[in-house]
C-alpha atoms as a PDB file:
ATOM      1  CA  MET A   1    -100.456  92.310 -80.648  1.00  0.00           C
ATOM      2  CA  THR A   2     -99.936  95.682 -80.740  1.00  0.00           C
ATOM      3  CA  VAL A   3     -99.850  95.635 -76.867  1.00  0.00           C
ATOM      4  CA  MET A   4     -96.986  92.929 -76.486  1.00  0.00           C
ATOM      5  CA  LYS A   5     -95.306  94.424 -79.666  1.00  0.00           C
ATOM      6  CA  ASN A   6     -95.231  98.085 -78.002  1.00  0.00           C
ATOM      7  CA  PHE A   7     -95.163  95.867 -74.861  1.00  0.00           C
ATOM      8  CA  PHE A   8     -91.477  94.356 -75.982  1.00  0.00           C
ATOM      9  CA  LYS A   9     -90.025  97.620 -77.735  1.00  0.00           C
ATOM     10  CA  PHE A  10     -90.183  99.319 -74.484  1.00  0.00           C
ATOM     11  CA  LEU A  11     -88.767  96.600 -72.809  1.00  0.00           C
ATOM     12  CA  TYR A  12     -86.072  96.712 -75.283  1.00  0.00           C
ATOM     13  CA  GLU A  13     -85.328 100.397 -75.423  1.00  0.00           C
ATOM     14  CA  PHE A  14     -85.126 100.358 -71.518  1.00  0.00           C
ATOM     15  CA  ILE A  15     -82.401  97.567 -71.563  1.00  0.00           C
ATOM     16  CA  ARG A  16     -80.851  99.389 -73.911  1.00  0.00           C
ATOM     17  CA  TRP A  17     -80.771 102.896 -72.033  1.00  0.00           C
ATOM     18  CA  ILE A  18     -79.787 100.857 -68.427  1.00  0.00           C
ATOM     19  CA  ILE A  19     -76.920  99.295 -70.719  1.00  0.00           C
ATOM     20  CA  VAL A  20     -75.591 102.555 -72.309  1.00  0.00           C
ATOM     21  CA  SER A  21     -75.908 104.470 -68.841  1.00  0.00           C
ATOM     22  CA  VAL A  22     -73.981 102.338 -67.165  1.00  0.00           C
ATOM     23  CA  LEU A  23     -71.141 102.084 -69.961  1.00  0.00           C
ATOM     24  CA  TYR A  24     -71.378 106.137 -70.146  1.00  0.00           C
ATOM     25  CA  VAL A  25     -70.792 106.270 -66.443  1.00  0.00           C
ATOM     26  CA  PHE A  26     -67.821 103.263 -66.432  1.00  0.00           C
ATOM     27  CA  ARG A  27     -66.408 104.092 -69.406  1.00  0.00           C
ATOM     28  CA  ILE A  28     -63.123 106.006 -68.160  1.00  0.00           C
ATOM     29  CA  PRO A  29     -62.905 102.767 -65.573  1.00  0.00           C
ATOM     30  CA  LEU A  30     -63.442 100.311 -68.229  1.00  0.00           C
ATOM     31  CA  ALA A  31     -61.134 101.617 -70.383  1.00  0.00           C
ATOM     32  CA  ILE A  32     -58.287 101.764 -67.526  1.00  0.00           C
ATOM     33  CA  VAL A  33     -59.222  97.933 -67.137  1.00  0.00           C
ATOM     34  CA  GLY A  34     -59.030  97.496 -70.967  1.00  0.00           C
ATOM     35  CA  ILE A  35     -55.587  98.954 -71.027  1.00  0.00           C
ATOM     36  CA  ALA A  36     -54.296  97.498 -68.066  1.00  0.00           C
ATOM     37  CA  LEU A  37     -55.501  94.000 -69.365  1.00  0.00           C
ATOM     38  CA  LEU A  38     -53.910  94.391 -73.229  1.00  0.00           C
ATOM     39  CA  VAL A  39     -50.648  95.711 -70.701  1.00  0.00           C
ATOM     40  CA  GLY A  40     -50.979  92.422 -69.126  1.00  0.00           C
ATOM     41  CA  ILE A  41     -51.160  90.501 -72.202  1.00  0.00           C
ATOM     42  CA  PHE A  42     -49.309  92.227 -74.590  1.00  0.00           C
ATOM     43  CA  SER A  43     -45.654  93.399 -74.051  1.00  0.00           C
ATOM     44  CA  LYS A  44     -44.767  97.190 -74.134  1.00  0.00           C
ATOM     45  CA  GLN A  45     -43.712  97.207 -77.761  1.00  0.00           C
ATOM     46  CA  ALA A  46     -47.034  95.755 -78.502  1.00  0.00           C
ATOM     47  CA  MET A  47     -49.053  97.782 -76.654  1.00  0.00           C
ATOM     48  CA  GLY A  48     -47.123 100.923 -78.190  1.00  0.00           C
ATOM     49  CA  CYS A  49     -48.120  99.103 -81.550  1.00  0.00           C
ATOM     50  CA  ILE A  50     -51.321  98.351 -81.232  1.00  0.00           C
ATOM     51  CA  LEU A  51     -51.773 102.438 -79.972  1.00  0.00           C
ATOM     52  CA  PHE A  52     -49.983 104.060 -82.840  1.00  0.00           C
ATOM     53  CA  PHE A  53     -51.747 102.077 -85.187  1.00  0.00           C
ATOM     54  CA  GLY A  54     -54.964 102.658 -83.534  1.00  0.00           C
ATOM     55  CA  PHE A  55     -54.162 106.170 -83.756  1.00  0.00           C
ATOM     56  CA  GLY A  56     -52.943 106.556 -87.027  1.00  0.00           C
ATOM     57  CA  VAL A  57     -55.659 104.179 -88.845  1.00  0.00           C
ATOM     58  CA  VAL A  58     -58.210 106.112 -87.016  1.00  0.00           C
ATOM     59  CA  VAL A  59     -57.445 109.674 -85.955  1.00  0.00           C
ATOM     60  CA  MET A  60     -55.270 110.335 -89.309  1.00  0.00           C
ATOM     61  CA  ALA A  61     -56.679 108.019 -92.123  1.00  0.00           C
ATOM     62  CA  ILE A  62     -60.084 108.926 -91.598  1.00  0.00           C
ATOM     63  CA  PRO A  63     -59.388 112.667 -92.137  1.00  0.00           C
ATOM     64  CA  ALA A  64     -56.820 112.431 -94.423  1.00  0.00           C
ATOM     65  CA  VAL A  65     -59.064 109.796 -96.814  1.00  0.00           C
ATOM     66  CA  PHE A  66     -61.975 112.846 -96.260  1.00  0.00           C
ATOM     67  CA  THR A  67     -59.697 116.089 -96.837  1.00  0.00           C
ATOM     68  CA  GLY A  68     -58.227 114.461 -99.788  1.00  0.00           C
ATOM     69  CA  LYS A  69     -61.925 113.448-100.859  1.00  0.00           C
ATOM     70  CA  THR A  70     -62.341 117.602-100.370  1.00  0.00           C
ATOM     71  CA  LEU A  71     -59.687 119.089-102.367  1.00  0.00           C
ATOM     72  CA  VAL A  72     -60.605 116.939-104.969  1.00  0.00           C
ATOM     73  CA  LYS A  73     -63.938 118.544-105.238  1.00  0.00           C
ATOM     74  CA  ASN A  74     -62.920 122.133-104.977  1.00  0.00           C
ATOM     75  CA  ILE A  75     -60.424 120.825-107.837  1.00  0.00           C
ATOM     76  CA  ILE A  76     -63.323 119.981-109.932  1.00  0.00           C
ATOM     77  CA  ILE A  77     -65.392 123.171-108.873  1.00  0.00           C
ATOM     78  CA  ILE A  78     -62.449 125.709-109.724  1.00  0.00           C
ATOM     79  CA  GLN A  79     -62.198 123.415-113.241  1.00  0.00           C
ATOM     80  CA  LYS A  80     -66.272 122.979-114.231  1.00  0.00           C
ATOM     81  CA  GLY A  81     -67.704 125.871-112.284  1.00  0.00           C
ATOM     82  CA  GLU A  82     -68.559 129.317-113.020  1.00  0.00           C
ATOM     83  CA  LYS A  83     -66.075 132.274-112.494  1.00  0.00           C
ATOM     84  CA  PHE A  84     -67.397 135.104-110.583  1.00  0.00           C
ATOM     85  CA  SER A  85     -66.432 138.482-109.168  1.00  0.00           C
ATOM     86  CA  GLY A  86     -66.959 139.040-105.828  1.00  0.00           C
ATOM     87  CA  THR A  87     -66.126 141.449-102.944  1.00  0.00           C
ATOM     88  CA  CYS A  88     -64.478 140.122 -99.590  1.00  0.00           C
ATOM     89  CA  THR A  89     -65.599 142.262 -97.202  1.00  0.00           C
ATOM     90  CA  GLY A  90     -63.344 141.644 -93.947  1.00  0.00           C
ATOM     91  CA  TYR A  91     -62.862 138.846 -91.530  1.00  0.00           C
ATOM     92  CA  LYS A  92     -65.314 138.107 -88.935  1.00  0.00           C
ATOM     93  CA  LEU A  93     -64.864 136.104 -85.812  1.00  0.00           C
ATOM     94  CA  GLU A  94     -67.866 134.813 -84.332  1.00  0.00           C
ATOM     95  CA  ARG A  95     -68.611 131.520 -81.885  1.00  0.00           C
ATOM     96  CA  TRP A  96     -69.521 129.227 -84.521  1.00  0.00           C
ATOM     97  CA  ASN A  97     -69.725 131.300 -87.868  1.00  0.00           C
ATOM     98  CA  CYS A  98     -66.089 133.381 -88.683  1.00  0.00           C
ATOM     99  CA  GLY A  99     -64.111 133.457 -91.441  1.00  0.00           C
ATOM    100  CA  HIS A 100     -64.264 135.535 -94.336  1.00  0.00           C
ATOM    101  CA  ASP A 101     -67.788 137.716 -95.558  1.00  0.00           C
ATOM    102  CA  VAL A 102     -67.559 137.735 -99.413  1.00  0.00           C
ATOM    103  CA  CYS A 103     -71.045 138.711-101.391  1.00  0.00           C
ATOM    104  CA  TRP A 104     -71.148 138.115-105.114  1.00  0.00           C
ATOM    105  CA  VAL A 105     -73.959 138.196-107.534  1.00  0.00           C
ATOM    106  CA  ASP A 106     -74.844 135.099-109.601  1.00  0.00           C
ATOM    107  CA  GLU A 107     -75.587 134.597-113.248  1.00  0.00           C
ATOM    108  CA  ASN A 108     -79.571 135.486-112.276  1.00  0.00           C
ATOM    109  CA  ASN A 109     -78.019 139.043-110.760  1.00  0.00           C
ATOM    110  CA  ILE A 110     -78.898 137.402-107.516  1.00  0.00           C
ATOM    111  CA  LYS A 111     -76.931 138.899-104.262  1.00  0.00           C
ATOM    112  CA  LEU A 112     -75.389 135.986-102.127  1.00  0.00           C
ATOM    113  CA  HIS A 113     -72.888 136.474 -99.177  1.00  0.00           C
ATOM    114  CA  ARG A 114     -71.305 133.658 -97.587  1.00  0.00           C
ATOM    115  CA  ARG A 115     -68.775 132.821 -95.349  1.00  0.00           C
ATOM    116  CA  PHE A 116     -65.567 131.336 -96.176  1.00  0.00           C
ATOM    117  CA  ASP A 117     -63.061 129.648 -93.446  1.00  0.00           C
ATOM    118  CA  VAL A 118     -60.050 130.148 -95.779  1.00  0.00           C
ATOM    119  CA  PRO A 119     -56.704 131.911 -95.386  1.00  0.00           C
ATOM    120  CA  MET A 120     -56.435 135.113 -97.288  1.00  0.00           C
ATOM    121  CA  ILE A 121     -53.152 136.781 -98.759  1.00  0.00           C
ATOM    122  CA  LYS A 122     -54.982 140.117 -98.533  1.00  0.00           C
ATOM    123  CA  PHE A 123     -55.308 141.823 -95.488  1.00  0.00           C
ATOM    124  CA  LYS A 124     -56.562 145.159 -96.805  1.00  0.00           C
ATOM    125  CA  TYR A 125     -60.341 144.872 -97.001  1.00  0.00           C
ATOM    126  CA  PRO A 126     -62.672 145.375 -99.174  1.00  0.00           C
ATOM    127  CA  CYS A 127     -60.848 143.202-101.608  1.00  0.00           C
ATOM    128  CA  GLN A 128     -61.770 141.237-104.899  1.00  0.00           C
ATOM    129  CA  VAL A 129     -61.789 137.701-104.777  1.00  0.00           C
ATOM    130  CA  ASN A 130     -62.793 135.096-107.426  1.00  0.00           C
ATOM    131  CA  VAL A 131     -65.832 132.982-106.481  1.00  0.00           C
ATOM    132  CA  TYR A 132     -66.467 129.378-108.148  1.00  0.00           C
ATOM    133  CA  SER A 133     -69.688 127.660-108.098  1.00  0.00           C
ATOM    134  CA  LEU A 134     -70.599 124.323-109.161  1.00  0.00           C
ATOM    135  CA  ASN A 135     -73.611 122.687-108.060  1.00  0.00           C
ATOM    136  CA  HIS A 136     -74.861 124.570-105.345  1.00  0.00           C
ATOM    137  CA  SER A 137     -71.212 124.356-103.844  1.00  0.00           C
ATOM    138  CA  VAL A 138     -69.030 127.376-103.732  1.00  0.00           C
ATOM    139  CA  ASN A 139     -65.226 128.512-103.317  1.00  0.00           C
ATOM    140  CA  LEU A 140     -62.842 130.579-103.154  1.00  0.00           C
ATOM    141  CA  GLY A 141     -60.858 128.967-105.843  1.00  0.00           C
ATOM    142  CA  ILE A 142     -56.314 128.970-104.912  1.00  0.00           C
ATOM    143  CA  PHE A 143     -57.437 130.180-101.153  1.00  0.00           C
ATOM    144  CA  THR A 144     -59.946 126.896-100.531  1.00  0.00           C
ATOM    145  CA  VAL A 145     -57.586 124.780-102.326  1.00  0.00           C
ATOM    146  CA  ILE A 146     -54.115 125.763-100.319  1.00  0.00           C
ATOM    147  CA  LYS A 147     -56.477 125.191 -96.848  1.00  0.00           C
ATOM    148  CA  ASP A 148     -57.483 121.724 -98.289  1.00  0.00           C
ATOM    149  CA  ILE A 149     -53.849 121.184 -99.515  1.00  0.00           C
ATOM    150  CA  LEU A 150     -52.272 122.085 -95.839  1.00  0.00           C
ATOM    151  CA  CYS A 151     -55.425 119.935 -94.272  1.00  0.00           C
ATOM    152  CA  PHE A 152     -54.298 117.144 -96.240  1.00  0.00           C
ATOM    153  CA  VAL A 153     -50.811 117.069 -96.128  1.00  0.00           C
ATOM    154  CA  ALA A 154     -50.757 117.397 -92.179  1.00  0.00           C
ATOM    155  CA  CYS A 155     -53.031 114.454 -91.745  1.00  0.00           C
ATOM    156  CA  LEU A 156     -51.166 112.376 -94.565  1.00  0.00           C
ATOM    157  CA  VAL A 157     -47.660 112.775 -92.760  1.00  0.00           C
ATOM    158  CA  LEU A 158     -49.227 112.073 -89.314  1.00  0.00           C
ATOM    159  CA  TRP A 159     -50.551 108.610 -90.853  1.00  0.00           C
ATOM    160  CA  VAL A 160     -47.575 107.754 -92.527  1.00  0.00           C
ATOM    161  CA  PHE A 161     -45.593 108.452 -89.193  1.00  0.00           C
ATOM    162  CA  CYS A 162     -47.637 106.337 -87.464  1.00  0.00           C
ATOM    163  CA  VAL A 163     -47.512 103.602 -89.920  1.00  0.00           C
ATOM    164  CA  ILE A 164     -43.628 103.647 -89.833  1.00  0.00           C
ATOM    165  CA  ILE A 165     -43.654 103.299 -85.929  1.00  0.00           C
ATOM    166  CA  THR A 166     -45.470 100.499 -86.008  1.00  0.00           C
ATOM    167  CA  THR A 167     -44.163  98.856 -88.776  1.00  0.00           C
ATOM    168  CA  GLY A 168     -40.789  99.088 -86.633  1.00  0.00           C
ATOM    169  CA  THR A 169     -41.696  97.840 -83.716  1.00  0.00           C
ATOM    170  CA  ILE A 170     -43.548  95.008 -85.179  1.00  0.00           C
ATOM    171  CA  TYR A 171     -40.083  94.334 -87.031  1.00  0.00           C
ATOM    172  CA  ASN A 172     -38.737  94.496 -83.396  1.00  0.00           C
ATOM    173  CA  ILE A 173     -40.376  91.824 -81.435  1.00  0.00           C
ATOM    174  CA  LEU A 174     -40.834  89.709 -84.422  1.00  0.00           C
ATOM    175  CA  PHE A 175     -36.970  89.897 -86.326  1.00  0.00           C
ATOM    176  CA  VAL A 176     -34.997  91.665 -83.162  1.00  0.00           C
END
């Protein structure tokens, strides 16, 4: 019985691998054919409406919700977390791990180090910063909140812009 089960599992994986490979190889021609079909079926206004709606929902709404949740989480860390005095030793630019190097000592006298990807107002190093910690999450207070607010506002503005264009296009298609 297990031989048959393994055979069907192999057959399923093999067929899935073929389908995924074909879709991967032909993804650009399939996208071009799909767009051509949509343009042939819908008017240019309707096609623009679909594209702006898709861009607004998928590309901007999801990051806006994510950055909004991160913003709220960081504000809670500042309000309820413990405050430590840390030293920012400078900005390090590496391939994957870039940011401001901050060292601080926690309540158990353990020296901690982390890189924070935040905008800094002080450009002379070393400088003193406040590190906030709550449930193994840390941030740099107002510097982290400023970064999160900027990301949230940018995503929200683009999302609202796409929704306004979409509703304007729908209004023009239906009532004009």
